[in-house]
Amino acid sequence: MLKHWLLLIIAFLIIGGCGVNNRGYVLKNPILDSLESVAVLPFENFSNDPVAGEKIRRMIMQELVKRGFFVIETGEVNRVLVEKEIVNLSLLGVKELREIGEKLGVKYLIKGGVFSYEIQRFADVTYPSVAIQITLIETSSGKIVRSTYRTEGGPNFRVLYLGMEAKTLNEVAKEVVRKALFDIF
């Protein structure tokens, strides 16, 4: 009788231990799995800060590297754009996207814009405001695979009523970039 109980317990342990996934179901992201390297194009700048586009571009590149992506260096990307005589990124067509992708050896490009990168004032309070748009484009087809618009900042309860110090512009920008890239990947 003891043998039967012991065998039954061992069987339950073996069966119970097989195939258990405590993390739940994980949906594979085919885009993320196929990304070996990515190029980040210069960001269009619609803000009052003349270098905001480049600041956000470099933050995006840093965050992508942290996440394990291979990112093409900005000088190489800029060199290809100069070679192809591309001045206005908003006028890129499928042909140009394909050529840039082939020249850089990437399947996907990231482009976008900075719409707000500033310290604003409301009553006696100053606070940072950052708004960006990021688009992931497949170079072979020119199709937009994913796109997001993110904005952060503004006065909150702690700043307005408790007189606490707001986050810095750089902290808010990094937060916006992290959230936007989470939307994309």
Protein backbone atom coordinates (compact mmCIF):
# COMPACT_ATOMS: atom_id res chain seq x y z
CA MET A 1 0.00 0.00 0.00
CA LEU A 2 2.83 2.40 0.87
CA LYS A 3 4.47 1.60 -2.47
CA HIS A 4 1.30 2.57 -4.33
CA TRP A 5 1.00 5.91 -2.50
CA LEU A 6 4.68 6.64 -3.05
CA LEU A 7 4.38 5.86 -6.79
CA LEU A 8 1.24 7.98 -7.01
CA ILE A 9 2.96 10.96 -5.33
CA ILE A 10 6.01 10.62 -7.60
CA ALA A 11 3.76 10.44 -10.67
CA PHE A 12 1.94 13.62 -9.64
CA LEU A 13 5.23 15.41 -9.04
CA ILE A 14 6.57 14.38 -12.43
CA ILE A 15 3.37 15.23 -14.28
CA GLY A 16 2.88 18.46 -12.33
CA GLY A 17 6.43 19.57 -13.00
CA CYS A 18 6.21 19.11 -16.75
CA GLY A 19 5.01 22.00 -18.87
CA VAL A 20 4.27 24.37 -16.03
CA ASN A 21 4.60 27.97 -17.15
CA ASN A 22 4.25 30.31 -14.21
CA ARG A 23 4.75 33.34 -16.44
CA GLY A 24 1.55 32.76 -18.39
CA TYR A 25 1.38 32.88 -22.16
CA VAL A 26 4.05 35.04 -23.81
CA LEU A 27 3.13 36.38 -27.23
CA LYS A 28 6.09 36.34 -29.58
CA ASN A 29 6.75 39.60 -31.37
CA PRO A 30 7.86 38.73 -34.93
CA ILE A 31 9.20 42.25 -35.50
CA LEU A 32 11.29 42.18 -32.36
CA ASP A 33 12.58 38.69 -33.18
CA SER A 34 13.63 39.69 -36.71
CA LEU A 35 15.45 42.88 -35.73
CA GLU A 36 19.16 42.36 -35.96
CA SER A 37 20.02 46.02 -36.41
CA VAL A 38 18.11 49.24 -36.79
CA ALA A 39 18.94 52.74 -37.97
CA VAL A 40 17.52 55.86 -36.35
CA LEU A 41 17.06 58.71 -38.81
CA PRO A 42 17.40 62.33 -37.69
CA PHE A 43 14.25 63.49 -35.94
CA GLU A 44 12.27 66.40 -37.30
CA ASN A 45 12.21 69.22 -34.80
CA PHE A 46 9.02 71.25 -34.31
CA SER A 47 9.98 72.51 -30.85
CA ASN A 48 11.58 75.77 -29.74
CA ASP A 49 14.86 74.02 -28.82
CA PRO A 50 17.03 73.95 -31.98
CA VAL A 51 18.77 70.68 -30.99
CA ALA A 52 15.81 68.82 -29.44
CA GLY A 53 15.53 66.45 -32.41
CA GLU A 54 19.13 65.30 -32.02
CA LYS A 55 18.78 64.99 -28.24
CA ILE A 56 15.74 62.71 -28.57
CA ARG A 57 17.40 60.73 -31.38
CA ARG A 58 20.41 59.98 -29.18
CA MET A 59 18.18 59.05 -26.21
CA ILE A 60 16.30 56.61 -28.45
CA MET A 61 19.57 55.09 -29.65
CA GLN A 62 20.82 54.68 -26.07
CA GLU A 63 17.59 53.03 -25.00
CA LEU A 64 17.64 50.66 -27.99
CA VAL A 65 21.21 49.61 -27.18
CA LYS A 66 20.18 49.00 -23.55
CA ARG A 67 17.42 46.72 -24.85
CA GLY A 68 19.88 44.66 -26.88
CA PHE A 69 19.46 46.10 -30.36
CA PHE A 70 22.35 46.77 -32.72
CA VAL A 71 22.06 50.43 -33.67
CA ILE A 72 23.79 51.97 -36.68
CA GLU A 73 25.99 54.90 -35.63
CA THR A 74 24.61 58.39 -36.39
CA GLY A 75 27.60 59.38 -38.54
CA GLU A 76 27.01 56.40 -40.83
CA VAL A 77 23.30 57.16 -41.12
CA ASN A 78 24.00 60.85 -41.83
CA ARG A 79 26.67 59.94 -44.42
CA VAL A 80 24.18 57.76 -46.33
CA LEU A 81 21.57 60.55 -46.26
CA VAL A 82 24.14 63.01 -47.66
CA GLU A 83 25.24 60.51 -50.34
CA LYS A 84 21.61 60.02 -51.41
CA GLU A 85 21.11 63.82 -51.31
CA ILE A 86 18.16 63.45 -48.94
CA VAL A 87 17.35 66.76 -47.30
CA ASN A 88 13.68 66.46 -46.33
CA LEU A 89 12.93 63.22 -44.45
CA SER A 90 9.17 63.71 -44.71
CA LEU A 91 9.42 63.25 -48.48
CA LEU A 92 11.07 59.80 -48.34
CA GLY A 93 9.49 57.35 -50.75
CA VAL A 94 9.67 53.57 -50.98
CA LYS A 95 12.63 53.77 -53.38
CA GLU A 96 14.66 55.96 -51.02
CA LEU A 97 13.73 53.87 -47.97
CA ARG A 98 14.80 50.69 -49.76
CA GLU A 99 18.12 52.27 -50.81
CA ILE A 100 18.84 53.55 -47.30
CA GLY A 101 18.00 50.14 -45.84
CA GLU A 102 20.25 48.33 -48.30
CA LYS A 103 23.13 50.76 -47.84
CA LEU A 104 22.95 50.53 -44.03
CA GLY A 105 22.11 46.81 -43.97
CA VAL A 106 18.91 47.22 -41.95
CA LYS A 107 15.39 45.93 -42.42
CA TYR A 108 13.78 48.66 -40.29
CA LEU A 109 14.26 52.41 -39.87
CA ILE A 110 13.04 54.57 -37.02
CA LYS A 111 12.02 58.13 -37.75
CA GLY A 112 9.95 60.67 -35.94
CA GLY A 113 9.54 64.17 -34.66
CA VAL A 114 9.82 66.27 -31.53
CA PHE A 115 6.80 68.52 -31.00
CA SER A 116 7.56 69.88 -27.55
CA TYR A 117 10.82 70.02 -25.61
CA GLU A 118 10.61 72.89 -23.20
CA ILE A 119 10.12 74.24 -19.71
CA GLN A 120 6.65 75.77 -19.44
CA ARG A 121 5.17 78.07 -16.84
CA PHE A 122 1.75 77.92 -15.19
CA ALA A 123 1.00 80.47 -12.48
CA ASP A 124 4.12 80.45 -10.27
CA VAL A 125 5.16 76.94 -11.27
CA THR A 126 7.55 75.80 -13.97
CA TYR A 127 7.49 72.26 -15.36
CA PRO A 128 8.96 70.32 -18.28
CA SER A 129 6.95 69.30 -21.31
CA VAL A 130 8.06 66.77 -23.94
CA ALA A 131 6.05 65.39 -26.86
CA ILE A 132 7.46 63.01 -29.47
CA GLN A 133 6.26 60.80 -32.29
CA ILE A 134 8.13 57.63 -33.32
CA THR A 135 7.53 55.49 -36.41
CA LEU A 136 9.00 52.08 -37.26
CA ILE A 137 9.24 51.62 -41.05
CA GLU A 138 10.01 48.47 -43.02
CA THR A 139 12.62 49.48 -45.62
CA SER A 140 11.69 46.94 -48.30
CA SER A 141 8.05 48.00 -48.58
CA GLY A 142 8.05 51.47 -47.05
CA LYS A 143 5.16 50.42 -44.83
CA ILE A 144 4.71 51.83 -41.36
CA VAL A 145 4.86 48.83 -39.05
CA ARG A 146 4.23 50.65 -35.78
CA SER A 147 3.82 54.26 -34.73
CA THR A 148 3.20 56.09 -31.47
CA TYR A 149 2.82 59.59 -30.11
CA ARG A 150 3.80 60.23 -26.50
CA THR A 151 3.71 63.30 -24.32
CA GLU A 152 4.83 63.78 -20.73
CA GLY A 153 5.21 66.61 -18.30
CA GLY A 154 2.93 69.31 -17.15
CA PRO A 155 1.98 70.44 -13.69
CA ASN A 156 0.78 67.75 -11.33
CA PHE A 157 -0.72 67.82 -7.86
CA ARG A 158 2.63 67.49 -6.08
CA VAL A 159 4.11 70.42 -8.00
CA LEU A 160 1.04 72.70 -7.94
CA TYR A 161 -0.22 72.21 -4.39
CA LEU A 162 2.63 70.76 -2.38
CA GLY A 163 5.34 72.94 -3.87
CA MET A 164 7.53 69.96 -4.70
CA GLU A 165 10.13 70.27 -7.41
CA ALA A 166 9.15 69.02 -10.86
CA LYS A 167 11.25 66.50 -12.75
CA THR A 168 14.00 67.87 -14.97
CA LEU A 169 13.49 68.23 -18.70
CA ASN A 170 16.02 65.46 -19.30
CA GLU A 171 14.23 63.06 -16.89
CA VAL A 172 10.90 63.68 -18.58
CA ALA A 173 12.44 63.22 -22.05
CA LYS A 174 13.96 59.86 -21.04
CA GLU A 175 10.60 58.77 -19.62
CA VAL A 176 8.82 59.71 -22.85
CA VAL A 177 11.39 57.82 -24.93
CA ARG A 178 11.09 54.67 -22.77
CA LYS A 179 7.30 54.68 -22.99
CA ALA A 180 7.29 55.35 -26.74
CA LEU A 181 9.73 52.52 -27.42
CA PHE A 182 7.63 50.24 -25.24
CA ASP A 183 4.68 51.04 -27.54
CA ILE A 184 6.78 50.25 -30.64
CA PHE A 185 8.48 47.08 -29.37
